Amino acid sequence: MPVLSIRLVPDPLLRQKAKRVRNIDGSIERLIDDMLETMRAASGAGLAAPQVGVLLRVIVIEPPEEETIVLINPEIVKKAGERLVVEGCLSIPGYRGEVKRSASVTVKGRNREWKEIRLKSTELLAQALEHEIDHLNGVLYIDHLESPDKLYQIEPEEERGL
């Protein structure tokens, strides 16, 4: 499984809306495997297909010490509450920003077996789901900053993006 190149801001592909996946086949299976390998190699917690140059609605998330999540055509169906979080992104290395995210989210989509699933989440998983689904719509976490001073540079050893 090759490690794919991660697109970096200001790559215009990161601002495009991804297309729905019509069915699972060998190319989608390979994409998922390559995305997981790429995310792990970059020490990330999540990755969306547009970040590796593929405009399809596929995300992978690997919360620390939790099961890996693969979602195809994910949609947020419910949000509740609000909280301030610090976020980073593999497509914006060297920076973190303070943004508002939902306290909980419910997402529906399909897993890699093409089975419909629904996930209710809070905390880091809710944040990761919102972050990665934003990528599928051409939205970056920096778009949620209340002001430019909420974005700050970090040292390389602090790097771990969603």
N, C-alpha and C. Protein backbone atom coordinates (compact mmCIF):
# COMPACT_ATOMS: atom_id res chain seq x y z
N MET A 1 0.85 -1.19 0.00
CA MET A 1 0.00 0.00 0.00
C MET A 1 0.89 1.24 0.00
N PRO A 2 0.74 2.07 -1.01
CA PRO A 2 1.59 3.26 -1.04
C PRO A 2 1.08 4.37 -0.11
N VAL A 3 2.02 5.13 0.39
CA VAL A 3 1.67 6.33 1.15
C VAL A 3 1.46 7.41 0.10
N LEU A 4 0.30 8.03 0.13
CA LEU A 4 -0.06 9.04 -0.86
C LEU A 4 0.44 10.42 -0.43
N SER A 5 0.56 11.33 -1.38
CA SER A 5 0.93 12.71 -1.06
C SER A 5 -0.28 13.45 -0.50
N ILE A 6 -0.05 14.17 0.58
CA ILE A 6 -1.13 14.96 1.17
C ILE A 6 -1.10 16.35 0.57
N ARG A 7 -2.25 16.77 0.05
CA ARG A 7 -2.37 18.11 -0.53
C ARG A 7 -2.30 19.15 0.57
N LEU A 8 -1.59 20.24 0.30
CA LEU A 8 -1.41 21.31 1.28
C LEU A 8 -2.08 22.58 0.80
N VAL A 9 -2.56 23.39 1.75
CA VAL A 9 -3.09 24.71 1.43
C VAL A 9 -1.96 25.49 0.76
N PRO A 10 -2.17 26.16 -0.35
CA PRO A 10 -3.44 26.60 -0.95
C PRO A 10 -3.92 25.75 -2.13
N ASP A 11 -3.63 24.47 -2.19
CA ASP A 11 -4.06 23.61 -3.29
C ASP A 11 -5.56 23.81 -3.54
N PRO A 12 -5.95 24.21 -4.76
CA PRO A 12 -7.36 24.49 -5.04
C PRO A 12 -8.26 23.26 -4.93
N LEU A 13 -7.71 22.06 -5.04
CA LEU A 13 -8.52 20.85 -4.92
C LEU A 13 -9.14 20.74 -3.52
N LEU A 14 -8.45 21.28 -2.51
CA LEU A 14 -8.97 21.23 -1.14
C LEU A 14 -10.25 22.06 -0.97
N ARG A 15 -10.52 22.93 -1.92
CA ARG A 15 -11.70 23.80 -1.84
C ARG A 15 -12.87 23.30 -2.69
N GLN A 16 -12.71 22.13 -3.30
CA GLN A 16 -13.77 21.58 -4.14
C GLN A 16 -14.63 20.60 -3.36
N LYS A 17 -15.88 20.49 -3.79
CA LYS A 17 -16.81 19.56 -3.16
C LYS A 17 -16.60 18.16 -3.76
N ALA A 18 -16.49 17.17 -2.89
CA ALA A 18 -16.28 15.78 -3.33
C ALA A 18 -17.59 15.17 -3.82
N LYS A 19 -17.45 14.19 -4.72
CA LYS A 19 -18.60 13.50 -5.30
C LYS A 19 -18.94 12.24 -4.50
N ARG A 20 -20.22 11.89 -4.53
CA ARG A 20 -20.69 10.68 -3.84
C ARG A 20 -20.09 9.44 -4.50
N VAL A 21 -19.84 8.43 -3.70
CA VAL A 21 -19.38 7.14 -4.19
C VAL A 21 -20.63 6.35 -4.54
N ARG A 22 -20.68 5.77 -5.73
CA ARG A 22 -21.88 5.05 -6.18
C ARG A 22 -21.92 3.60 -5.70
N ASN A 23 -20.76 2.96 -5.60
CA ASN A 23 -20.68 1.59 -5.09
C ASN A 23 -19.24 1.27 -4.72
N ILE A 24 -19.08 0.24 -3.94
CA ILE A 24 -17.74 -0.15 -3.51
C ILE A 24 -17.14 -1.09 -4.55
N ASP A 25 -15.90 -0.85 -4.92
CA ASP A 25 -15.19 -1.74 -5.85
C ASP A 25 -13.72 -1.75 -5.45
N GLY A 26 -12.91 -2.41 -6.24
CA GLY A 26 -11.49 -2.53 -5.92
C GLY A 26 -10.78 -1.21 -5.79
N SER A 27 -11.15 -0.23 -6.61
CA SER A 27 -10.48 1.07 -6.54
C SER A 27 -10.81 1.81 -5.24
N ILE A 28 -12.03 1.67 -4.76
CA ILE A 28 -12.42 2.30 -3.49
C ILE A 28 -11.75 1.57 -2.33
N GLU A 29 -11.69 0.24 -2.39
CA GLU A 29 -11.00 -0.54 -1.36
C GLU A 29 -9.53 -0.11 -1.27
N ARG A 30 -8.87 0.02 -2.42
CA ARG A 30 -7.45 0.45 -2.45
C ARG A 30 -7.31 1.86 -1.90
N LEU A 31 -8.23 2.74 -2.28
CA LEU A 31 -8.19 4.12 -1.79
C LEU A 31 -8.27 4.13 -0.26
N ILE A 32 -9.19 3.37 0.31
CA ILE A 32 -9.34 3.31 1.77
C ILE A 32 -8.05 2.81 2.42
N ASP A 33 -7.51 1.72 1.90
CA ASP A 33 -6.27 1.17 2.46
C ASP A 33 -5.12 2.18 2.36
N ASP A 34 -5.01 2.83 1.21
CA ASP A 34 -3.94 3.83 1.02
C ASP A 34 -4.13 5.04 1.93
N MET A 35 -5.39 5.45 2.13
CA MET A 35 -5.67 6.58 3.02
C MET A 35 -5.29 6.23 4.46
N LEU A 36 -5.61 5.02 4.91
CA LEU A 36 -5.26 4.60 6.26
C LEU A 36 -3.74 4.60 6.44
N GLU A 37 -3.04 4.04 5.47
CA GLU A 37 -1.58 4.00 5.51
C GLU A 37 -0.99 5.41 5.53
N THR A 38 -1.53 6.29 4.71
CA THR A 38 -1.06 7.68 4.62
C THR A 38 -1.31 8.42 5.94
N MET A 39 -2.52 8.26 6.49
CA MET A 39 -2.86 8.93 7.75
C MET A 39 -1.92 8.47 8.87
N ARG A 40 -1.67 7.18 8.94
CA ARG A 40 -0.78 6.65 9.98
C ARG A 40 0.65 7.13 9.79
N ALA A 41 1.12 7.14 8.55
CA ALA A 41 2.49 7.59 8.28
C ALA A 41 2.68 9.05 8.64
N ALA A 42 1.60 9.84 8.53
CA ALA A 42 1.66 11.28 8.85
C ALA A 42 1.30 11.56 10.30
N SER A 43 1.06 10.51 11.09
CA SER A 43 0.65 10.65 12.49
C SER A 43 -0.62 11.47 12.65
N GLY A 44 -1.56 11.25 11.75
CA GLY A 44 -2.84 11.96 11.81
C GLY A 44 -3.89 11.13 12.52
N ALA A 45 -4.99 11.79 12.88
CA ALA A 45 -6.12 11.12 13.51
C ALA A 45 -7.26 10.90 12.53
N GLY A 46 -7.20 11.56 11.37
CA GLY A 46 -8.24 11.44 10.37
C GLY A 46 -7.73 11.93 9.03
N LEU A 47 -8.42 11.52 7.96
CA LEU A 47 -8.03 11.93 6.61
C LEU A 47 -9.25 11.82 5.71
N ALA A 48 -9.40 12.79 4.82
CA ALA A 48 -10.48 12.78 3.83
C ALA A 48 -9.86 12.62 2.45
N ALA A 49 -10.57 11.93 1.56
CA ALA A 49 -10.05 11.64 0.23
C ALA A 49 -9.55 12.88 -0.52
N PRO A 50 -10.23 14.04 -0.45
CA PRO A 50 -9.71 15.21 -1.16
C PRO A 50 -8.29 15.61 -0.70
N GLN A 51 -7.93 15.27 0.53
CA GLN A 51 -6.60 15.60 1.02
C GLN A 51 -5.50 14.81 0.31
N VAL A 52 -5.88 13.70 -0.33
CA VAL A 52 -4.91 12.93 -1.11
C VAL A 52 -5.22 13.04 -2.61
N GLY A 53 -5.97 14.07 -2.98
CA GLY A 53 -6.21 14.36 -4.39
C GLY A 53 -7.34 13.60 -5.04
N VAL A 54 -8.21 12.97 -4.25
CA VAL A 54 -9.33 12.20 -4.81
C VAL A 54 -10.63 12.85 -4.36
N LEU A 55 -11.39 13.36 -5.33
CA LEU A 55 -12.63 14.06 -5.01
C LEU A 55 -13.82 13.11 -4.86
N LEU A 56 -13.70 12.22 -3.86
CA LEU A 56 -14.78 11.30 -3.51
C LEU A 56 -15.08 11.44 -2.03
N ARG A 57 -16.32 11.15 -1.65
CA ARG A 57 -16.78 11.31 -0.27
C ARG A 57 -16.40 10.09 0.57
N VAL A 58 -15.12 10.04 0.94
CA VAL A 58 -14.57 8.95 1.75
C VAL A 58 -13.71 9.57 2.85
N ILE A 59 -13.93 9.13 4.09
CA ILE A 59 -13.09 9.58 5.20
C ILE A 59 -12.64 8.38 6.03
N VAL A 60 -11.49 8.54 6.67
CA VAL A 60 -11.01 7.55 7.63
C VAL A 60 -10.63 8.30 8.90
N ILE A 61 -10.93 7.69 10.04
CA ILE A 61 -10.62 8.30 11.33
C ILE A 61 -10.10 7.20 12.24
N GLU A 62 -9.04 7.53 12.97
CA GLU A 62 -8.48 6.57 13.92
C GLU A 62 -8.24 7.28 15.24
N PRO A 63 -9.29 7.37 16.06
CA PRO A 63 -9.12 8.02 17.36
C PRO A 63 -8.15 7.21 18.22
N PRO A 64 -7.37 7.88 19.06
CA PRO A 64 -6.42 7.16 19.92
C PRO A 64 -7.13 6.07 20.73
N GLU A 65 -6.59 4.87 20.67
CA GLU A 65 -7.09 3.72 21.44
C GLU A 65 -8.55 3.37 21.17
N GLU A 66 -9.02 3.68 19.96
CA GLU A 66 -10.38 3.30 19.57
C GLU A 66 -10.33 2.61 18.22
N GLU A 67 -11.45 2.03 17.83
CA GLU A 67 -11.54 1.33 16.56
C GLU A 67 -11.46 2.30 15.38
N THR A 68 -10.84 1.85 14.31
CA THR A 68 -10.73 2.64 13.08
C THR A 68 -12.12 2.79 12.45
N ILE A 69 -12.41 3.99 11.96
CA ILE A 69 -13.70 4.27 11.32
C ILE A 69 -13.46 4.60 9.86
N VAL A 70 -14.17 3.92 8.99
CA VAL A 70 -14.18 4.21 7.56
C VAL A 70 -15.61 4.58 7.21
N LEU A 71 -15.79 5.76 6.62
CA LEU A 71 -17.12 6.19 6.22
C LEU A 71 -17.13 6.62 4.76
N ILE A 72 -18.10 6.10 4.04
CA ILE A 72 -18.31 6.46 2.64
C ILE A 72 -19.62 7.23 2.56
N ASN A 73 -19.59 8.36 1.87
CA ASN A 73 -20.76 9.24 1.74
C ASN A 73 -21.31 9.68 3.10
N PRO A 74 -20.45 10.09 4.04
CA PRO A 74 -20.96 10.47 5.36
C PRO A 74 -21.73 11.79 5.32
N GLU A 75 -22.75 11.86 6.15
CA GLU A 75 -23.54 13.09 6.30
C GLU A 75 -23.83 13.29 7.78
N ILE A 76 -23.73 14.54 8.22
CA ILE A 76 -24.14 14.85 9.59
C ILE A 76 -25.65 15.02 9.58
N VAL A 77 -26.33 14.24 10.41
CA VAL A 77 -27.79 14.31 10.45
C VAL A 77 -28.29 15.05 11.69
N LYS A 78 -27.42 15.19 12.71
CA LYS A 78 -27.82 15.90 13.92
C LYS A 78 -26.59 16.45 14.62
N LYS A 79 -26.72 17.68 15.11
CA LYS A 79 -25.67 18.31 15.91
C LYS A 79 -26.31 18.84 17.18
N ALA A 80 -25.54 18.85 18.26
CA ALA A 80 -26.05 19.41 19.51
C ALA A 80 -24.90 20.07 20.26
N GLY A 81 -25.23 21.17 20.93
CA GLY A 81 -24.25 21.85 21.78
C GLY A 81 -23.13 22.50 20.98
N GLU A 82 -22.24 23.11 21.73
CA GLU A 82 -21.12 23.80 21.11
C GLU A 82 -19.97 23.82 22.10
N ARG A 83 -18.77 23.70 21.59
CA ARG A 83 -17.60 23.79 22.45
C ARG A 83 -16.43 24.36 21.66
N LEU A 84 -15.51 24.96 22.38
CA LEU A 84 -14.31 25.52 21.78
C LEU A 84 -13.22 24.46 21.82
N VAL A 85 -12.59 24.19 20.68
CA VAL A 85 -11.54 23.17 20.61
C VAL A 85 -10.33 23.73 19.85
N VAL A 86 -9.20 23.09 20.05
CA VAL A 86 -8.00 23.42 19.29
C VAL A 86 -7.85 22.34 18.23
N GLU A 87 -7.66 22.78 16.98
CA GLU A 87 -7.61 21.85 15.88
C GLU A 87 -6.38 22.08 15.02
N GLY A 88 -5.95 21.00 14.39
CA GLY A 88 -4.88 21.06 13.41
C GLY A 88 -5.32 20.27 12.20
N CYS A 89 -4.48 20.26 11.16
CA CYS A 89 -4.86 19.57 9.94
C CYS A 89 -3.60 19.16 9.19
N LEU A 90 -3.61 17.95 8.64
CA LEU A 90 -2.47 17.48 7.87
C LEU A 90 -2.24 18.32 6.62
N SER A 91 -3.27 19.00 6.14
CA SER A 91 -3.14 19.86 4.95
C SER A 91 -2.68 21.27 5.30
N ILE A 92 -2.56 21.57 6.60
CA ILE A 92 -2.09 22.88 7.05
C ILE A 92 -1.04 22.62 8.14
N PRO A 93 0.10 22.03 7.76
CA PRO A 93 1.10 21.66 8.77
C PRO A 93 1.70 22.88 9.46
N GLY A 94 2.04 22.68 10.74
CA GLY A 94 2.72 23.72 11.48
C GLY A 94 1.82 24.73 12.15
N TYR A 95 0.51 24.51 12.10
CA TYR A 95 -0.44 25.46 12.69
C TYR A 95 -1.52 24.75 13.48
N ARG A 96 -2.08 25.46 14.43
CA ARG A 96 -3.26 25.04 15.19
C ARG A 96 -4.18 26.25 15.27
N GLY A 97 -5.45 25.96 15.46
CA GLY A 97 -6.41 27.05 15.59
C GLY A 97 -7.51 26.70 16.56
N GLU A 98 -8.08 27.72 17.17
CA GLU A 98 -9.19 27.53 18.10
C GLU A 98 -10.48 27.77 17.33
N VAL A 99 -11.33 26.75 17.30
CA VAL A 99 -12.59 26.82 16.54
C VAL A 99 -13.74 26.28 17.38
N LYS A 100 -14.96 26.63 16.98
CA LYS A 100 -16.15 26.08 17.63
C LYS A 100 -16.59 24.83 16.87
N ARG A 101 -16.86 23.79 17.64
CA ARG A 101 -17.38 22.54 17.08
C ARG A 101 -18.56 22.11 17.94
N SER A 102 -19.36 21.20 17.41
CA SER A 102 -20.51 20.67 18.14
C SER A 102 -20.04 19.79 19.29
N ALA A 103 -20.82 19.78 20.36
CA ALA A 103 -20.52 18.90 21.50
C ALA A 103 -20.81 17.45 21.14
N SER A 104 -21.82 17.24 20.30
CA SER A 104 -22.11 15.89 19.82
C SER A 104 -22.64 15.95 18.40
N VAL A 105 -22.37 14.91 17.64
CA VAL A 105 -22.88 14.82 16.27
C VAL A 105 -23.34 13.38 16.01
N THR A 106 -24.34 13.27 15.16
CA THR A 106 -24.78 11.98 14.65
C THR A 106 -24.55 11.99 13.15
N VAL A 107 -23.89 10.95 12.67
CA VAL A 107 -23.50 10.86 11.27
C VAL A 107 -24.05 9.57 10.69
N LYS A 108 -24.49 9.64 9.44
CA LYS A 108 -24.86 8.40 8.75
C LYS A 108 -23.99 8.29 7.50
N GLY A 109 -23.78 7.07 7.08
CA GLY A 109 -22.97 6.81 5.89
C GLY A 109 -22.90 5.32 5.67
N ARG A 110 -21.91 4.90 4.90
CA ARG A 110 -21.71 3.47 4.64
C ARG A 110 -20.31 3.07 5.07
N ASN A 111 -20.18 1.84 5.56
CA ASN A 111 -18.85 1.35 5.91
C ASN A 111 -18.22 0.70 4.68
N ARG A 112 -17.05 0.12 4.84
CA ARG A 112 -16.36 -0.43 3.67
C ARG A 112 -17.02 -1.71 3.15
N GLU A 113 -17.95 -2.27 3.87
CA GLU A 113 -18.73 -3.42 3.37
C GLU A 113 -20.01 -2.93 2.68
N TRP A 114 -20.16 -1.62 2.57
CA TRP A 114 -21.29 -0.95 1.92
C TRP A 114 -22.57 -1.05 2.74
N LYS A 115 -22.42 -1.32 4.04
CA LYS A 115 -23.56 -1.40 4.94
C LYS A 115 -23.83 0.00 5.49
N GLU A 116 -25.13 0.37 5.54
CA GLU A 116 -25.48 1.67 6.12
C GLU A 116 -25.23 1.64 7.61
N ILE A 117 -24.58 2.71 8.10
CA ILE A 117 -24.32 2.81 9.53
C ILE A 117 -24.67 4.21 10.01
N ARG A 118 -24.86 4.29 11.31
CA ARG A 118 -25.16 5.56 11.98
C ARG A 118 -24.26 5.64 13.21
N LEU A 119 -23.57 6.74 13.38
CA LEU A 119 -22.67 6.91 14.53
C LEU A 119 -23.10 8.11 15.35
N LYS A 120 -23.24 7.90 16.65
CA LYS A 120 -23.48 9.02 17.57
C LYS A 120 -22.16 9.24 18.28
N SER A 121 -21.69 10.49 18.35
CA SER A 121 -20.37 10.73 18.91
C SER A 121 -20.30 12.02 19.72
N THR A 122 -19.33 12.06 20.60
CA THR A 122 -19.04 13.25 21.40
C THR A 122 -17.53 13.43 21.42
N GLU A 123 -17.10 14.51 22.06
CA GLU A 123 -15.68 14.76 22.29
C GLU A 123 -14.86 14.74 20.99
N LEU A 124 -13.69 14.05 21.05
CA LEU A 124 -12.75 14.05 19.94
C LEU A 124 -13.35 13.43 18.67
N LEU A 125 -14.12 12.36 18.82
CA LEU A 125 -14.70 11.73 17.64
C LEU A 125 -15.69 12.66 16.93
N ALA A 126 -16.51 13.36 17.69
CA ALA A 126 -17.45 14.32 17.08
C ALA A 126 -16.67 15.41 16.33
N GLN A 127 -15.61 15.89 16.95
CA GLN A 127 -14.76 16.92 16.32
C GLN A 127 -14.14 16.38 15.03
N ALA A 128 -13.59 15.16 15.09
CA ALA A 128 -12.95 14.57 13.91
C ALA A 128 -13.96 14.36 12.78
N LEU A 129 -15.16 13.89 13.12
CA LEU A 129 -16.19 13.69 12.10
C LEU A 129 -16.55 15.01 11.42
N GLU A 130 -16.76 16.05 12.20
CA GLU A 130 -17.08 17.36 11.61
C GLU A 130 -15.94 17.85 10.73
N HIS A 131 -14.72 17.71 11.24
CA HIS A 131 -13.53 18.19 10.52
C HIS A 131 -13.39 17.47 9.16
N GLU A 132 -13.48 16.15 9.17
CA GLU A 132 -13.28 15.39 7.93
C GLU A 132 -14.45 15.57 6.96
N ILE A 133 -15.66 15.65 7.45
CA ILE A 133 -16.81 15.88 6.57
C ILE A 133 -16.72 17.29 5.97
N ASP A 134 -16.21 18.26 6.74
CA ASP A 134 -15.96 19.60 6.17
C ASP A 134 -15.06 19.50 4.94
N HIS A 135 -14.01 18.67 5.03
CA HIS A 135 -13.09 18.50 3.89
C HIS A 135 -13.84 18.06 2.63
N LEU A 136 -14.84 17.21 2.80
CA LEU A 136 -15.61 16.71 1.65
C LEU A 136 -16.43 17.82 1.00
N ASN A 137 -16.63 18.90 1.72
CA ASN A 137 -17.39 20.04 1.20
C ASN A 137 -16.50 21.23 0.85
N GLY A 138 -15.19 21.01 0.83
CA GLY A 138 -14.25 22.07 0.47
C GLY A 138 -14.04 23.09 1.57
N VAL A 139 -14.34 22.71 2.82
CA VAL A 139 -14.22 23.62 3.97
C VAL A 139 -13.03 23.17 4.82
N LEU A 140 -12.22 24.12 5.26
CA LEU A 140 -11.08 23.85 6.13
C LEU A 140 -11.35 24.43 7.51
N TYR A 141 -10.67 23.89 8.51
CA TYR A 141 -10.92 24.38 9.88
C TYR A 141 -10.61 25.86 10.01
N ILE A 142 -9.68 26.37 9.21
CA ILE A 142 -9.35 27.80 9.29
C ILE A 142 -10.53 28.68 8.88
N ASP A 143 -11.49 28.11 8.16
CA ASP A 143 -12.70 28.85 7.78
C ASP A 143 -13.60 29.10 8.99
N HIS A 144 -13.39 28.34 10.06
CA HIS A 144 -14.21 28.46 11.27
C HIS A 144 -13.56 29.37 12.32
N LEU A 145 -12.37 29.90 12.04
CA LEU A 145 -11.71 30.77 13.01
C LEU A 145 -12.52 32.05 13.20
N GLU A 146 -12.70 32.46 14.46
CA GLU A 146 -13.42 33.71 14.73
C GLU A 146 -12.59 34.92 14.33
N SER A 147 -11.27 34.80 14.45
CA SER A 147 -10.38 35.89 14.04
C SER A 147 -9.00 35.29 13.74
N PRO A 148 -8.18 35.99 12.95
CA PRO A 148 -6.86 35.47 12.58
C PRO A 148 -5.96 35.19 13.79
N ASP A 149 -6.16 35.90 14.90
CA ASP A 149 -5.30 35.66 16.07
C ASP A 149 -5.63 34.35 16.79
N LYS A 150 -6.66 33.63 16.31
CA LYS A 150 -6.99 32.32 16.88
C LYS A 150 -6.17 31.20 16.20
N LEU A 151 -5.35 31.57 15.21
CA LEU A 151 -4.47 30.63 14.52
C LEU A 151 -3.05 30.90 14.99
N TYR A 152 -2.34 29.85 15.35
CA TYR A 152 -0.98 30.05 15.81
C TYR A 152 -0.07 28.94 15.29
N GLN A 153 1.21 29.28 15.19
CA GLN A 153 2.21 28.34 14.71
C GLN A 153 2.65 27.42 15.86
N ILE A 154 2.96 26.17 15.50
CA ILE A 154 3.40 25.21 16.51
C ILE A 154 4.76 24.64 16.12
N GLU A 155 5.39 24.01 17.09
CA GLU A 155 6.67 23.34 16.83
C GLU A 155 6.39 21.99 16.17
N PRO A 156 7.30 21.52 15.31
CA PRO A 156 7.09 20.25 14.60
C PRO A 156 6.76 19.07 15.51
N GLU A 157 7.34 18.99 16.71
CA GLU A 157 7.07 17.85 17.59
C GLU A 157 5.64 17.87 18.14
N GLU A 158 4.93 18.99 18.02
CA GLU A 158 3.55 19.07 18.48
C GLU A 158 2.56 18.62 17.39
N GLU A 159 3.07 18.34 16.20
CA GLU A 159 2.25 18.06 15.04
C GLU A 159 1.44 16.78 15.23
N ARG A 160 0.17 16.85 15.06
CA ARG A 160 -0.76 15.71 14.93
C ARG A 160 -2.06 16.31 14.47
N GLY A 161 -2.38 16.11 13.23
CA GLY A 161 -3.57 16.75 12.66
C GLY A 161 -4.74 15.81 12.56
N LEU A 162 -5.89 16.39 12.34
CA LEU A 162 -7.10 15.58 12.11
C LEU A 162 -7.20 15.24 10.66
